Amino acid sequence: MSTNEGRFNGKIALITGASRGIGAEIAKKLAAGGAEFIGVHYASNRDAALKVVEDIKALGSKAVALEAELTTGISGVKKLWSAFEDAVRLEIGTVQLDILINNAGIAPAVPFEETSIDTFEDVINVNLKAPYFITQAASPFIRNGGRIINISTGFTRVAGPTHTIYSASKGAIETLTLALAPLFASKGITVNAVRPGTTDTDMNKDWLANPEAHAAAASVSAFGRVGTTEEVADVVVFVASEEARWITGQFIDATGGSRL
C-alpha cells in the first residue's frame, strides 16, 4: 500500500461496493491517508465487509459496514443513505460527507440476444439508478472541496460486445459525470469518472483462473498484463485528493493502456 499519510485527515467517505476488490482497496487507502470515517457499503457479503471495516480501524480510522441490495432500485438507495446518515450522526455528530465513490457495479456477460428484462433492470438499478440517486441524496451534505467519483469502465472507450448492457450503463454514468460537474463546481466539488480495465478482482477471478483467458486479458494492455486492484485504487485516491482539485468532468483512463 502506497503512503498517503495525512492526505485525507478529517475526511468522511462513502464507498459503494466496498467489501471486495477495487472498492475495498480504495477504502483502505483512504484510511491509510487519515480519513476520519468511512462507510463501507456491501450487498450480501457481510463477512467481507466486516473484514474491510476491521482493516480500516487497524489503520486508525472509524468505519461502519452498510448493507443494501441496490438491484432493488430506489428502496435500496434509501436504505443505504439512511443507514449512512445514522452512522455518521452517531460517530461525528452531524451528517456530512467529503468523498463519495460510486463503485458498486454488476457486469453480467450475457449475449445481446439473450439479455432479459430482469437482467437489464438489475444492471441499470445498480450501475446507473443507484449512483444517480445516492449522489442526489448526498448532495446537500457534501462539504466544500468535496469529491464525487464514479467508477466506469474501459468499455466506454472500446467496443464491449460481450457486455452490452454493462457498457451502456457505464456510458450513461460518464454522461452523468459530465452533466453534474458544473452543478457542483461552485462549492469546489469535483465530479469525475475513473475507467478501470480488466482487473484481478474477486468478480473476475473465476474466468481469469483459466490460463488462456488470463493470457488474452493480459495481451489487451500495453503493459502485457492484467491490472491489480491497488493500481486502480491509486488512481481513484489521486482523484479524491487535494492534488486533483483542478480536474472535473473528466474520464480518467485506468486500463493500463488497453487496446491502444
C-alpha atoms as a PDB file:
ATOM      1  CA  MET A   1       0.000   0.000   0.000  1.00  0.00           C
ATOM      2  CA  SER A   2       1.459   3.353  -1.022  1.00  0.00           C
ATOM      3  CA  THR A   3       1.992   6.080   1.569  1.00  0.00           C
ATOM      4  CA  ASN A   4      -0.873   8.558   1.874  1.00  0.00           C
ATOM      5  CA  GLU A   5      -0.248   9.697   5.445  1.00  0.00           C
ATOM      6  CA  GLY A   6      -2.217  12.815   6.300  1.00  0.00           C
ATOM      7  CA  ARG A   7      -3.644  13.182   2.812  1.00  0.00           C
ATOM      8  CA  PHE A   8      -7.238  12.657   3.923  1.00  0.00           C
ATOM      9  CA  ASN A   9      -7.169  13.832   7.525  1.00  0.00           C
ATOM     10  CA  GLY A  10     -10.676  14.595   8.786  1.00  0.00           C
ATOM     11  CA  LYS A  11     -12.390  13.407   5.601  1.00  0.00           C
ATOM     12  CA  ILE A  12     -15.643  11.458   5.647  1.00  0.00           C
ATOM     13  CA  ALA A  13     -16.216   8.994   2.820  1.00  0.00           C
ATOM     14  CA  LEU A  14     -18.892   6.675   1.482  1.00  0.00           C
ATOM     15  CA  ILE A  15     -17.867   3.927  -0.919  1.00  0.00           C
ATOM     16  CA  THR A  16     -20.441   1.666  -2.535  1.00  0.00           C
ATOM     17  CA  GLY A  17     -19.438  -1.896  -3.294  1.00  0.00           C
ATOM     18  CA  ALA A  18     -16.546  -1.690  -0.835  1.00  0.00           C
ATOM     19  CA  SER A  19     -16.492  -5.189   0.640  1.00  0.00           C
ATOM     20  CA  ARG A  20     -14.163  -6.582  -2.029  1.00  0.00           C
ATOM     21  CA  GLY A  21     -11.939  -5.712  -4.957  1.00  0.00           C
ATOM     22  CA  ILE A  22     -11.328  -2.141  -6.029  1.00  0.00           C
ATOM     23  CA  GLY A  23     -13.791  -0.685  -3.510  1.00  0.00           C
ATOM     24  CA  ALA A  24     -12.127  -2.408  -0.553  1.00  0.00           C
ATOM     25  CA  GLU A  25      -8.692  -1.264  -1.721  1.00  0.00           C
ATOM     26  CA  ILE A  26      -9.901   2.335  -2.061  1.00  0.00           C
ATOM     27  CA  ALA A  27     -11.358   2.226   1.449  1.00  0.00           C
ATOM     28  CA  LYS A  28      -8.091   1.030   2.974  1.00  0.00           C
ATOM     29  CA  LYS A  29      -6.055   3.621   1.086  1.00  0.00           C
ATOM     30  CA  LEU A  30      -8.316   6.425   2.319  1.00  0.00           C
ATOM     31  CA  ALA A  31      -7.893   5.097   5.857  1.00  0.00           C
ATOM     32  CA  ALA A  32      -4.117   4.971   5.406  1.00  0.00           C
ATOM     33  CA  GLY A  33      -4.358   8.624   4.383  1.00  0.00           C
ATOM     34  CA  GLY A  34      -6.055   9.573   7.642  1.00  0.00           C
ATOM     35  CA  ALA A  35      -9.753   9.613   6.701  1.00  0.00           C
ATOM     36  CA  GLU A  36     -11.865  10.129   9.803  1.00  0.00           C
ATOM     37  CA  PHE A  37     -14.839   7.941   8.896  1.00  0.00           C
ATOM     38  CA  ILE A  38     -15.617   5.559   6.034  1.00  0.00           C
ATOM     39  CA  GLY A  39     -18.947   3.985   5.126  1.00  0.00           C
ATOM     40  CA  VAL A  40     -18.332   0.537   3.624  1.00  0.00           C
ATOM     41  CA  HIS A  41     -21.359  -0.488   1.591  1.00  0.00           C
ATOM     42  CA  TYR A  42     -21.987  -4.113   0.666  1.00  0.00           C
ATOM     43  CA  ALA A  43     -24.848  -6.051  -0.909  1.00  0.00           C
ATOM     44  CA  SER A  44     -24.585  -9.523   0.608  1.00  0.00           C
ATOM     45  CA  ASN A  45     -21.060 -10.420   1.754  1.00  0.00           C
ATOM     46  CA  ARG A  46     -21.245  -9.222   5.346  1.00  0.00           C
ATOM     47  CA  ASP A  47     -18.139 -11.088   6.461  1.00  0.00           C
ATOM     48  CA  ALA A  48     -16.033  -9.473   3.744  1.00  0.00           C
ATOM     49  CA  ALA A  49     -17.385  -6.013   4.606  1.00  0.00           C
ATOM     50  CA  LEU A  50     -16.656  -6.511   8.302  1.00  0.00           C
ATOM     51  CA  LYS A  51     -13.102  -7.548   7.437  1.00  0.00           C
ATOM     52  CA  VAL A  52     -12.642  -4.296   5.490  1.00  0.00           C
ATOM     53  CA  VAL A  53     -14.044  -2.356   8.462  1.00  0.00           C
ATOM     54  CA  GLU A  54     -11.583  -4.174  10.724  1.00  0.00           C
ATOM     55  CA  ASP A  55      -8.698  -3.294   8.401  1.00  0.00           C
ATOM     56  CA  ILE A  56      -9.781   0.360   8.307  1.00  0.00           C
ATOM     57  CA  LYS A  57      -9.954   0.562  12.093  1.00  0.00           C
ATOM     58  CA  ALA A  58      -6.484  -1.002  12.339  1.00  0.00           C
ATOM     59  CA  LEU A  59      -5.258   1.928  10.261  1.00  0.00           C
ATOM     60  CA  GLY A  60      -6.735   4.383  12.753  1.00  0.00           C
ATOM     61  CA  SER A  61      -9.976   5.411  11.050  1.00  0.00           C
ATOM     62  CA  LYS A  62     -13.582   4.857  12.043  1.00  0.00           C
ATOM     63  CA  ALA A  63     -15.766   2.757   9.756  1.00  0.00           C
ATOM     64  CA  VAL A  64     -19.097   1.009   9.506  1.00  0.00           C
ATOM     65  CA  ALA A  65     -20.474  -1.711   7.228  1.00  0.00           C
ATOM     66  CA  LEU A  66     -23.702  -0.709   5.472  1.00  0.00           C
ATOM     67  CA  GLU A  67     -25.900  -3.392   3.899  1.00  0.00           C
ATOM     68  CA  ALA A  68     -28.161  -2.536   0.972  1.00  0.00           C
ATOM     69  CA  GLU A  69     -29.160  -4.520  -2.104  1.00  0.00           C
ATOM     70  CA  LEU A  70     -29.038  -1.976  -4.924  1.00  0.00           C
ATOM     71  CA  THR A  71     -30.725  -4.220  -7.514  1.00  0.00           C
ATOM     72  CA  THR A  72     -33.948  -3.277  -5.700  1.00  0.00           C
ATOM     73  CA  GLY A  73     -33.676   0.261  -7.038  1.00  0.00           C
ATOM     74  CA  ILE A  74     -34.799   3.252  -5.008  1.00  0.00           C
ATOM     75  CA  SER A  75     -35.611   1.212  -1.907  1.00  0.00           C
ATOM     76  CA  GLY A  76     -32.001   0.025  -1.769  1.00  0.00           C
ATOM     77  CA  VAL A  77     -30.710   3.565  -2.227  1.00  0.00           C
ATOM     78  CA  LYS A  78     -32.929   4.869   0.575  1.00  0.00           C
ATOM     79  CA  LYS A  79     -31.828   2.074   2.882  1.00  0.00           C
ATOM     80  CA  LEU A  80     -28.162   2.780   2.227  1.00  0.00           C
ATOM     81  CA  TRP A  81     -28.359   6.537   2.625  1.00  0.00           C
ATOM     82  CA  SER A  82     -30.485   6.301   5.768  1.00  0.00           C
ATOM     83  CA  ALA A  83     -28.000   3.880   7.337  1.00  0.00           C
ATOM     84  CA  PHE A  84     -25.082   6.123   6.382  1.00  0.00           C
ATOM     85  CA  GLU A  85     -26.797   9.202   7.817  1.00  0.00           C
ATOM     86  CA  ASP A  86     -27.445   7.412  11.105  1.00  0.00           C
ATOM     87  CA  ALA A  87     -23.874   6.110  11.311  1.00  0.00           C
ATOM     88  CA  VAL A  88     -22.256   9.481  10.570  1.00  0.00           C
ATOM     89  CA  ARG A  89     -24.539  11.271  13.006  1.00  0.00           C
ATOM     90  CA  LEU A  90     -23.643   8.751  15.706  1.00  0.00           C
ATOM     91  CA  GLU A  91     -19.881   8.941  15.098  1.00  0.00           C
ATOM     92  CA  ILE A  92     -19.389  12.575  14.050  1.00  0.00           C
ATOM     93  CA  GLY A  93     -22.423  14.368  15.422  1.00  0.00           C
ATOM     94  CA  THR A  94     -23.725  15.805  12.144  1.00  0.00           C
ATOM     95  CA  VAL A  95     -24.389  14.414   8.683  1.00  0.00           C
ATOM     96  CA  GLN A  96     -21.595  15.463   6.338  1.00  0.00           C
ATOM     97  CA  LEU A  97     -19.571  13.936   3.535  1.00  0.00           C
ATOM     98  CA  ASP A  98     -16.352  14.748   1.687  1.00  0.00           C
ATOM     99  CA  ILE A  99     -15.765  11.832  -0.683  1.00  0.00           C
ATOM    100  CA  LEU A 100     -18.494   9.865  -2.452  1.00  0.00           C
ATOM    101  CA  ILE A 101     -17.289   6.961  -4.570  1.00  0.00           C
ATOM    102  CA  ASN A 102     -19.964   5.246  -6.635  1.00  0.00           C
ATOM    103  CA  ASN A 103     -18.106   1.981  -7.147  1.00  0.00           C
ATOM    104  CA  ALA A 104     -20.777  -0.735  -6.879  1.00  0.00           C
ATOM    105  CA  GLY A 105     -21.458  -2.398 -10.194  1.00  0.00           C
ATOM    106  CA  ILE A 106     -22.538  -5.620 -11.824  1.00  0.00           C
ATOM    107  CA  ALA A 107     -21.290  -6.816 -15.201  1.00  0.00           C
ATOM    108  CA  PRO A 108     -23.088  -9.907 -16.486  1.00  0.00           C
ATOM    109  CA  ALA A 109     -21.536 -11.330 -19.643  1.00  0.00           C
ATOM    110  CA  VAL A 110     -24.836 -12.095 -21.331  1.00  0.00           C
ATOM    111  CA  PRO A 111     -25.166 -12.207 -25.131  1.00  0.00           C
ATOM    112  CA  PHE A 112     -27.150  -9.294 -26.540  1.00  0.00           C
ATOM    113  CA  GLU A 113     -29.902 -11.544 -27.919  1.00  0.00           C
ATOM    114  CA  GLU A 114     -30.264 -13.304 -24.551  1.00  0.00           C
ATOM    115  CA  THR A 115     -30.438 -10.228 -22.300  1.00  0.00           C
ATOM    116  CA  SER A 116     -33.656 -10.404 -20.299  1.00  0.00           C
ATOM    117  CA  ILE A 117     -35.694  -7.534 -18.902  1.00  0.00           C
ATOM    118  CA  ASP A 118     -34.744  -8.648 -15.383  1.00  0.00           C
ATOM    119  CA  THR A 119     -31.015  -8.584 -16.165  1.00  0.00           C
ATOM    120  CA  PHE A 120     -31.390  -5.218 -17.879  1.00  0.00           C
ATOM    121  CA  GLU A 121     -33.195  -3.735 -14.880  1.00  0.00           C
ATOM    122  CA  ASP A 122     -30.725  -5.160 -12.352  1.00  0.00           C
ATOM    123  CA  VAL A 123     -27.764  -3.648 -14.204  1.00  0.00           C
ATOM    124  CA  ILE A 124     -29.447  -0.275 -14.615  1.00  0.00           C
ATOM    125  CA  ASN A 125     -30.527  -0.234 -10.962  1.00  0.00           C
ATOM    126  CA  VAL A 126     -27.030  -0.901  -9.647  1.00  0.00           C
ATOM    127  CA  ASN A 127     -24.891   0.855 -12.252  1.00  0.00           C
ATOM    128  CA  LEU A 128     -26.969   3.953 -13.022  1.00  0.00           C
ATOM    129  CA  LYS A 129     -30.002   4.470 -10.813  1.00  0.00           C
ATOM    130  CA  ALA A 130     -28.094   3.912  -7.560  1.00  0.00           C
ATOM    131  CA  PRO A 131     -25.245   6.356  -8.335  1.00  0.00           C
ATOM    132  CA  TYR A 132     -27.722   8.936  -9.578  1.00  0.00           C
ATOM    133  CA  PHE A 133     -29.947   8.905  -6.506  1.00  0.00           C
ATOM    134  CA  ILE A 134     -27.193   8.306  -3.949  1.00  0.00           C
ATOM    135  CA  THR A 135     -25.479  11.406  -5.321  1.00  0.00           C
ATOM    136  CA  GLN A 136     -28.773  13.293  -5.191  1.00  0.00           C
ATOM    137  CA  ALA A 137     -29.316  12.288  -1.549  1.00  0.00           C
ATOM    138  CA  ALA A 138     -25.733  13.136  -0.614  1.00  0.00           C
ATOM    139  CA  SER A 139     -25.502  16.451  -2.439  1.00  0.00           C
ATOM    140  CA  PRO A 140     -26.786  18.733   0.372  1.00  0.00           C
ATOM    141  CA  PHE A 141     -24.244  17.245   2.767  1.00  0.00           C
ATOM    142  CA  ILE A 142     -21.078  17.266   0.639  1.00  0.00           C
ATOM    143  CA  ARG A 143     -18.724  19.849   2.073  1.00  0.00           C
ATOM    144  CA  ASN A 144     -16.881  22.472   0.051  1.00  0.00           C
ATOM    145  CA  GLY A 145     -13.952  20.936  -1.805  1.00  0.00           C
ATOM    146  CA  GLY A 146     -15.559  17.502  -1.828  1.00  0.00           C
ATOM    147  CA  ARG A 147     -15.185  14.734  -4.373  1.00  0.00           C
ATOM    148  CA  ILE A 148     -17.697  12.665  -6.338  1.00  0.00           C
ATOM    149  CA  ILE A 149     -16.066   9.807  -8.219  1.00  0.00           C
ATOM    150  CA  ASN A 150     -17.956   7.395 -10.452  1.00  0.00           C
ATOM    151  CA  ILE A 151     -16.301   4.116 -11.394  1.00  0.00           C
ATOM    152  CA  SER A 152     -16.817   3.498 -15.094  1.00  0.00           C
ATOM    153  CA  THR A 153     -15.125   1.037 -17.468  1.00  0.00           C
ATOM    154  CA  GLY A 154     -12.776   0.906 -20.429  1.00  0.00           C
ATOM    155  CA  PHE A 155     -15.752  -0.417 -22.404  1.00  0.00           C
ATOM    156  CA  THR A 156     -16.889   3.191 -22.848  1.00  0.00           C
ATOM    157  CA  ARG A 157     -13.746   3.753 -24.962  1.00  0.00           C
ATOM    158  CA  VAL A 158     -13.636   0.483 -26.880  1.00  0.00           C
ATOM    159  CA  ALA A 159     -16.413  -1.846 -28.007  1.00  0.00           C
ATOM    160  CA  GLY A 160     -17.653  -4.358 -25.436  1.00  0.00           C
ATOM    161  CA  PRO A 161     -19.942  -6.696 -27.385  1.00  0.00           C
ATOM    162  CA  THR A 162     -19.786  -9.297 -24.599  1.00  0.00           C
ATOM    163  CA  HIS A 163     -21.172  -6.778 -22.085  1.00  0.00           C
ATOM    164  CA  THR A 164     -23.724  -4.670 -23.948  1.00  0.00           C
ATOM    165  CA  ILE A 165     -25.953  -3.500 -21.085  1.00  0.00           C
ATOM    166  CA  TYR A 166     -22.989  -3.064 -18.728  1.00  0.00           C
ATOM    167  CA  SER A 167     -21.246  -0.904 -21.339  1.00  0.00           C
ATOM    168  CA  ALA A 168     -24.404   1.122 -21.915  1.00  0.00           C
ATOM    169  CA  SER A 169     -24.923   1.718 -18.204  1.00  0.00           C
ATOM    170  CA  LYS A 170     -21.375   2.969 -17.801  1.00  0.00           C
ATOM    171  CA  GLY A 171     -21.714   5.197 -20.860  1.00  0.00           C
ATOM    172  CA  ALA A 172     -24.658   6.777 -19.088  1.00  0.00           C
ATOM    173  CA  ILE A 173     -22.601   7.213 -15.910  1.00  0.00           C
ATOM    174  CA  GLU A 174     -19.954   9.114 -17.862  1.00  0.00           C
ATOM    175  CA  THR A 175     -22.573  11.407 -19.396  1.00  0.00           C
ATOM    176  CA  LEU A 176     -23.984  11.957 -15.901  1.00  0.00           C
ATOM    177  CA  THR A 177     -20.493  12.761 -14.618  1.00  0.00           C
ATOM    178  CA  LEU A 178     -20.118  15.422 -17.299  1.00  0.00           C
ATOM    179  CA  ALA A 179     -23.569  16.892 -16.585  1.00  0.00           C
ATOM    180  CA  LEU A 180     -23.047  17.072 -12.816  1.00  0.00           C
ATOM    181  CA  ALA A 181     -19.581  18.657 -12.852  1.00  0.00           C
ATOM    182  CA  PRO A 182     -20.778  22.261 -13.456  1.00  0.00           C
ATOM    183  CA  LEU A 183     -23.574  21.872 -10.894  1.00  0.00           C
ATOM    184  CA  PHE A 184     -21.152  21.161  -8.054  1.00  0.00           C
ATOM    185  CA  ALA A 185     -18.291  23.410  -9.134  1.00  0.00           C
ATOM    186  CA  SER A 186     -19.444  26.483  -7.175  1.00  0.00           C
ATOM    187  CA  LYS A 187     -18.592  24.627  -3.947  1.00  0.00           C
ATOM    188  CA  GLY A 188     -15.231  23.444  -5.260  1.00  0.00           C
ATOM    189  CA  ILE A 189     -16.596  19.895  -5.519  1.00  0.00           C
ATOM    190  CA  THR A 190     -15.161  17.883  -8.387  1.00  0.00           C
ATOM    191  CA  VAL A 191     -17.077  15.192 -10.291  1.00  0.00           C
ATOM    192  CA  ASN A 192     -15.031  12.696 -12.271  1.00  0.00           C
ATOM    193  CA  ALA A 193     -15.131   9.127 -13.558  1.00  0.00           C
ATOM    194  CA  VAL A 194     -12.347   6.545 -13.472  1.00  0.00           C
ATOM    195  CA  ARG A 195     -12.258   3.797 -16.104  1.00  0.00           C
ATOM    196  CA  PRO A 196     -10.682   0.514 -14.949  1.00  0.00           C
ATOM    197  CA  GLY A 197      -9.794  -2.153 -17.478  1.00  0.00           C
ATOM    198  CA  THR A 198      -9.605  -5.874 -16.795  1.00  0.00           C
ATOM    199  CA  THR A 199      -8.543  -6.086 -13.161  1.00  0.00           C
ATOM    200  CA  ASP A 200      -7.610  -9.035 -10.960  1.00  0.00           C
ATOM    201  CA  THR A 201     -10.590  -8.867  -8.610  1.00  0.00           C
ATOM    202  CA  ASP A 202     -12.923 -11.366  -6.943  1.00  0.00           C
ATOM    203  CA  MET A 203     -15.504 -10.590  -9.610  1.00  0.00           C
ATOM    204  CA  ASN A 204     -13.105 -11.697 -12.344  1.00  0.00           C
ATOM    205  CA  LYS A 205     -11.231 -14.477 -10.554  1.00  0.00           C
ATOM    206  CA  ASP A 206     -13.209 -17.399 -11.982  1.00  0.00           C
ATOM    207  CA  TRP A 207     -12.624 -16.636 -15.649  1.00  0.00           C
ATOM    208  CA  LEU A 208      -9.120 -15.265 -15.067  1.00  0.00           C
ATOM    209  CA  ALA A 209      -8.250 -18.626 -13.486  1.00  0.00           C
ATOM    210  CA  ASN A 210      -8.347 -20.059 -16.992  1.00  0.00           C
ATOM    211  CA  PRO A 211      -4.786 -19.653 -18.350  1.00  0.00           C
ATOM    212  CA  GLU A 212      -5.975 -18.911 -21.881  1.00  0.00           C
ATOM    213  CA  ALA A 213      -8.457 -16.294 -20.678  1.00  0.00           C
ATOM    214  CA  HIS A 214      -5.814 -14.702 -18.444  1.00  0.00           C
ATOM    215  CA  ALA A 215      -3.325 -14.543 -21.319  1.00  0.00           C
ATOM    216  CA  ALA A 216      -5.948 -12.983 -23.596  1.00  0.00           C
ATOM    217  CA  ALA A 217      -6.843 -10.375 -20.951  1.00  0.00           C
ATOM    218  CA  ALA A 218      -3.180  -9.556 -20.345  1.00  0.00           C
ATOM    219  CA  SER A 219      -2.483  -9.128 -24.055  1.00  0.00           C
ATOM    220  CA  VAL A 220      -5.018  -6.296 -24.291  1.00  0.00           C
ATOM    221  CA  SER A 221      -2.962  -3.986 -22.062  1.00  0.00           C
ATOM    222  CA  ALA A 222       0.003  -2.049 -23.420  1.00  0.00           C
ATOM    223  CA  PHE A 223       1.928  -3.462 -20.451  1.00  0.00           C
ATOM    224  CA  GLY A 224       1.051  -7.046 -21.318  1.00  0.00           C
ATOM    225  CA  ARG A 225      -0.563  -7.948 -18.015  1.00  0.00           C
ATOM    226  CA  VAL A 226      -3.772  -7.737 -16.001  1.00  0.00           C
ATOM    227  CA  GLY A 227      -4.126  -4.769 -13.663  1.00  0.00           C
ATOM    228  CA  THR A 228      -4.346  -5.002  -9.873  1.00  0.00           C
ATOM    229  CA  THR A 229      -6.907  -3.511  -7.521  1.00  0.00           C
ATOM    230  CA  GLU A 230      -4.163  -1.403  -5.950  1.00  0.00           C
ATOM    231  CA  GLU A 231      -3.229   0.153  -9.288  1.00  0.00           C
ATOM    232  CA  VAL A 232      -6.812   1.223  -9.981  1.00  0.00           C
ATOM    233  CA  ALA A 233      -7.344   2.357  -6.387  1.00  0.00           C
ATOM    234  CA  ASP A 234      -4.225   4.540  -6.565  1.00  0.00           C
ATOM    235  CA  VAL A 235      -5.780   6.433  -9.484  1.00  0.00           C
ATOM    236  CA  VAL A 236      -9.078   6.847  -7.628  1.00  0.00           C
ATOM    237  CA  VAL A 237      -7.282   8.031  -4.486  1.00  0.00           C
ATOM    238  CA  PHE A 238      -5.398  10.632  -6.514  1.00  0.00           C
ATOM    239  CA  VAL A 239      -8.691  11.910  -7.965  1.00  0.00           C
ATOM    240  CA  ALA A 240     -10.069  12.059  -4.403  1.00  0.00           C
ATOM    241  CA  SER A 241      -7.108  14.082  -3.171  1.00  0.00           C
ATOM    242  CA  GLU A 242      -6.441  17.797  -2.948  1.00  0.00           C
ATOM    243  CA  GLU A 243      -3.903  17.445  -5.758  1.00  0.00           C
ATOM    244  CA  ALA A 244      -6.760  16.770  -8.185  1.00  0.00           C
ATOM    245  CA  ARG A 245      -8.732  19.911  -7.298  1.00  0.00           C
ATOM    246  CA  TRP A 246      -8.359  21.333 -10.843  1.00  0.00           C
ATOM    247  CA  ILE A 247      -9.800  18.250 -12.557  1.00  0.00           C
ATOM    248  CA  THR A 248     -13.548  17.926 -13.034  1.00  0.00           C
ATOM    249  CA  GLY A 249     -15.958  16.494 -15.582  1.00  0.00           C
ATOM    250  CA  GLN A 250     -13.266  14.108 -16.808  1.00  0.00           C
ATOM    251  CA  PHE A 251     -12.957  10.401 -17.574  1.00  0.00           C
ATOM    252  CA  ILE A 252      -9.607   9.143 -16.296  1.00  0.00           C
ATOM    253  CA  ASP A 253      -8.427   6.012 -18.064  1.00  0.00           C
ATOM    254  CA  ALA A 254      -7.003   3.385 -15.691  1.00  0.00           C
ATOM    255  CA  THR A 255      -6.984   0.455 -18.112  1.00  0.00           C
ATOM    256  CA  GLY A 256      -3.218   0.071 -18.423  1.00  0.00           C
ATOM    257  CA  GLY A 257      -3.363   1.310 -21.980  1.00  0.00           C
ATOM    258  CA  SER A 258      -5.871  -1.276 -23.135  1.00  0.00           C
ATOM    259  CA  ARG A 259      -6.254  -1.564 -26.890  1.00  0.00           C
ATOM    260  CA  LEU A 260      -4.121   1.417 -27.737  1.00  0.00           C
END
